[in-house]
């Protein structure tokens, strides 16, 4: 599901520094619910390894799981609709 490039980066010192920067910029406040942020979430992967501050958001674990779940859900719906349209 995840590329080797993504996994190598997510477990790197560079990502750790980048995610801590994101948390500090948000004062460790979850940008979704206002709780205590402990994780950085990618809003896009266009600049993986070279993210802008605007490519990331600080989130709590619960919100990160929710965002990820819904993102995967809608991605699967889009794939299903594309297959359905292609079958016609």
C-alpha atoms as a PDB file:
ATOM      1  CA  UNK A   1       0.000   0.000   0.000  1.00  0.00           C
ATOM      2  CA  UNK A   2       2.830   2.413   0.851  1.00  0.00           C
ATOM      3  CA  UNK A   3       5.799   2.942  -1.420  1.00  0.00           C
ATOM      4  CA  UNK A   4       9.294   2.153  -0.221  1.00  0.00           C
ATOM      5  CA  UNK A   5      10.191   5.842  -0.699  1.00  0.00           C
ATOM      6  CA  UNK A   6       7.345   6.908   1.580  1.00  0.00           C
ATOM      7  CA  UNK A   7       8.198   4.386   4.302  1.00  0.00           C
ATOM      8  CA  UNK A   8      11.909   5.230   4.221  1.00  0.00           C
ATOM      9  CA  UNK A   9      11.048   8.903   4.634  1.00  0.00           C
ATOM     10  CA  UNK A  10       8.430   8.447   7.376  1.00  0.00           C
ATOM     11  CA  UNK A  11      10.975   6.537   9.477  1.00  0.00           C
ATOM     12  CA  UNK A  12      13.787   9.036   8.840  1.00  0.00           C
ATOM     13  CA  UNK A  13      15.339  11.683  11.055  1.00  0.00           C
ATOM     14  CA  UNK A  14      14.340  14.252   8.416  1.00  0.00           C
ATOM     15  CA  UNK A  15      10.645  13.401   8.804  1.00  0.00           C
ATOM     16  CA  UNK A  16      10.919  13.473  12.580  1.00  0.00           C
ATOM     17  CA  UNK A  17      12.358  16.992  12.398  1.00  0.00           C
ATOM     18  CA  UNK A  18       9.722  18.088   9.874  1.00  0.00           C
ATOM     19  CA  UNK A  19       6.838  16.697  11.888  1.00  0.00           C
ATOM     20  CA  UNK A  20       8.113  18.324  15.099  1.00  0.00           C
ATOM     21  CA  UNK A  21       8.294  21.641  13.207  1.00  0.00           C
ATOM     22  CA  UNK A  22       4.656  21.202  12.171  1.00  0.00           C
ATOM     23  CA  UNK A  23       3.624  20.502  15.761  1.00  0.00           C
ATOM     24  CA  UNK A  24       5.557  23.513  17.068  1.00  0.00           C
ATOM     25  CA  UNK A  25       4.057  25.853  14.446  1.00  0.00           C
ATOM     26  CA  UNK A  26       0.597  24.765  15.623  1.00  0.00           C
ATOM     27  CA  UNK A  27       1.582  25.073  19.293  1.00  0.00           C
ATOM     28  CA  UNK A  28       0.769  21.358  19.618  1.00  0.00           C
ATOM     29  CA  UNK A  29      -2.926  22.109  19.013  1.00  0.00           C
ATOM     30  CA  UNK A  30      -4.841  19.720  16.754  1.00  0.00           C
ATOM     31  CA  UNK A  31      -5.942  21.694  13.719  1.00  0.00           C
ATOM     32  CA  UNK A  32      -9.084  19.584  13.446  1.00  0.00           C
ATOM     33  CA  UNK A  33     -10.515  19.315  16.975  1.00  0.00           C
ATOM     34  CA  UNK A  34      -8.425  21.684  19.088  1.00  0.00           C
ATOM     35  CA  UNK A  35      -7.061  18.884  21.294  1.00  0.00           C
ATOM     36  CA  UNK A  36      -3.381  18.109  21.888  1.00  0.00           C
ATOM     37  CA  UNK A  37      -1.616  17.446  18.558  1.00  0.00           C
ATOM     38  CA  UNK A  38       0.923  14.635  18.582  1.00  0.00           C
ATOM     39  CA  UNK A  39       1.256  13.856  14.861  1.00  0.00           C
ATOM     40  CA  UNK A  40       1.745  15.610  11.530  1.00  0.00           C
ATOM     41  CA  UNK A  41      -0.592  14.718   8.668  1.00  0.00           C
ATOM     42  CA  UNK A  42       0.252  15.152   4.983  1.00  0.00           C
ATOM     43  CA  UNK A  43      -2.424  17.123   3.150  1.00  0.00           C
ATOM     44  CA  UNK A  44      -0.716  16.080  -0.079  1.00  0.00           C
ATOM     45  CA  UNK A  45       2.366  14.168  -1.156  1.00  0.00           C
ATOM     46  CA  UNK A  46       3.481  16.401  -4.025  1.00  0.00           C
ATOM     47  CA  UNK A  47       6.681  17.437  -2.234  1.00  0.00           C
ATOM     48  CA  UNK A  48       7.383  14.340  -0.121  1.00  0.00           C
ATOM     49  CA  UNK A  49      10.664  15.008   1.653  1.00  0.00           C
ATOM     50  CA  UNK A  50      10.519  18.709   0.743  1.00  0.00           C
ATOM     51  CA  UNK A  51       7.147  19.690   2.226  1.00  0.00           C
ATOM     52  CA  UNK A  52       6.038  23.259   2.655  1.00  0.00           C
ATOM     53  CA  UNK A  53       4.450  24.177   5.971  1.00  0.00           C
ATOM     54  CA  UNK A  54       1.119  24.290   4.129  1.00  0.00           C
ATOM     55  CA  UNK A  55       1.499  20.642   3.022  1.00  0.00           C
ATOM     56  CA  UNK A  56       1.124  19.407   6.606  1.00  0.00           C
ATOM     57  CA  UNK A  57      -1.240  19.815   9.517  1.00  0.00           C
ATOM     58  CA  UNK A  58      -0.833  19.066  13.203  1.00  0.00           C
ATOM     59  CA  UNK A  59      -3.386  16.572  14.506  1.00  0.00           C
ATOM     60  CA  UNK A  60      -4.137  14.379  17.499  1.00  0.00           C
ATOM     61  CA  UNK A  61      -3.989  10.600  17.048  1.00  0.00           C
ATOM     62  CA  UNK A  62      -7.773  10.239  16.919  1.00  0.00           C
ATOM     63  CA  UNK A  63      -8.236  12.900  14.237  1.00  0.00           C
ATOM     64  CA  UNK A  64      -5.318  11.497  12.231  1.00  0.00           C
ATOM     65  CA  UNK A  65      -6.945   8.050  12.230  1.00  0.00           C
ATOM     66  CA  UNK A  66     -10.287   9.567  11.226  1.00  0.00           C
ATOM     67  CA  UNK A  67      -8.785  11.651   8.399  1.00  0.00           C
ATOM     68  CA  UNK A  68      -6.876   8.637   7.111  1.00  0.00           C
ATOM     69  CA  UNK A  69      -9.932   6.357   7.259  1.00  0.00           C
ATOM     70  CA  UNK A  70     -12.155   8.805   5.356  1.00  0.00           C
ATOM     71  CA  UNK A  71      -9.427   9.498   2.820  1.00  0.00           C
ATOM     72  CA  UNK A  72      -9.065   5.779   2.084  1.00  0.00           C
ATOM     73  CA  UNK A  73     -12.846   5.350   1.993  1.00  0.00           C
ATOM     74  CA  UNK A  74     -13.351   8.090  -0.620  1.00  0.00           C
ATOM     75  CA  UNK A  75     -10.357   6.858  -2.632  1.00  0.00           C
ATOM     76  CA  UNK A  76     -11.968   3.390  -2.821  1.00  0.00           C
ATOM     77  CA  UNK A  77     -15.317   4.914  -3.841  1.00  0.00           C
ATOM     78  CA  UNK A  78     -13.613   6.905  -6.637  1.00  0.00           C
ATOM     79  CA  UNK A  79     -11.866   3.742  -7.888  1.00  0.00           C
ATOM     80  CA  UNK A  80     -15.136   1.813  -7.816  1.00  0.00           C
ATOM     81  CA  UNK A  81     -16.952   4.576  -9.737  1.00  0.00           C
ATOM     82  CA  UNK A  82     -14.155   4.707 -12.309  1.00  0.00           C
ATOM     83  CA  UNK A  83     -14.417   0.930 -12.847  1.00  0.00           C
ATOM     84  CA  UNK A  84     -18.196   1.214 -13.143  1.00  0.00           C
ATOM     85  CA  UNK A  85     -17.932   4.014 -15.716  1.00  0.00           C
ATOM     86  CA  UNK A  86     -15.280   2.100 -17.666  1.00  0.00           C
ATOM     87  CA  UNK A  87     -17.449  -1.055 -17.754  1.00  0.00           C
ATOM     88  CA  UNK A  88     -20.262   0.752 -19.568  1.00  0.00           C
END
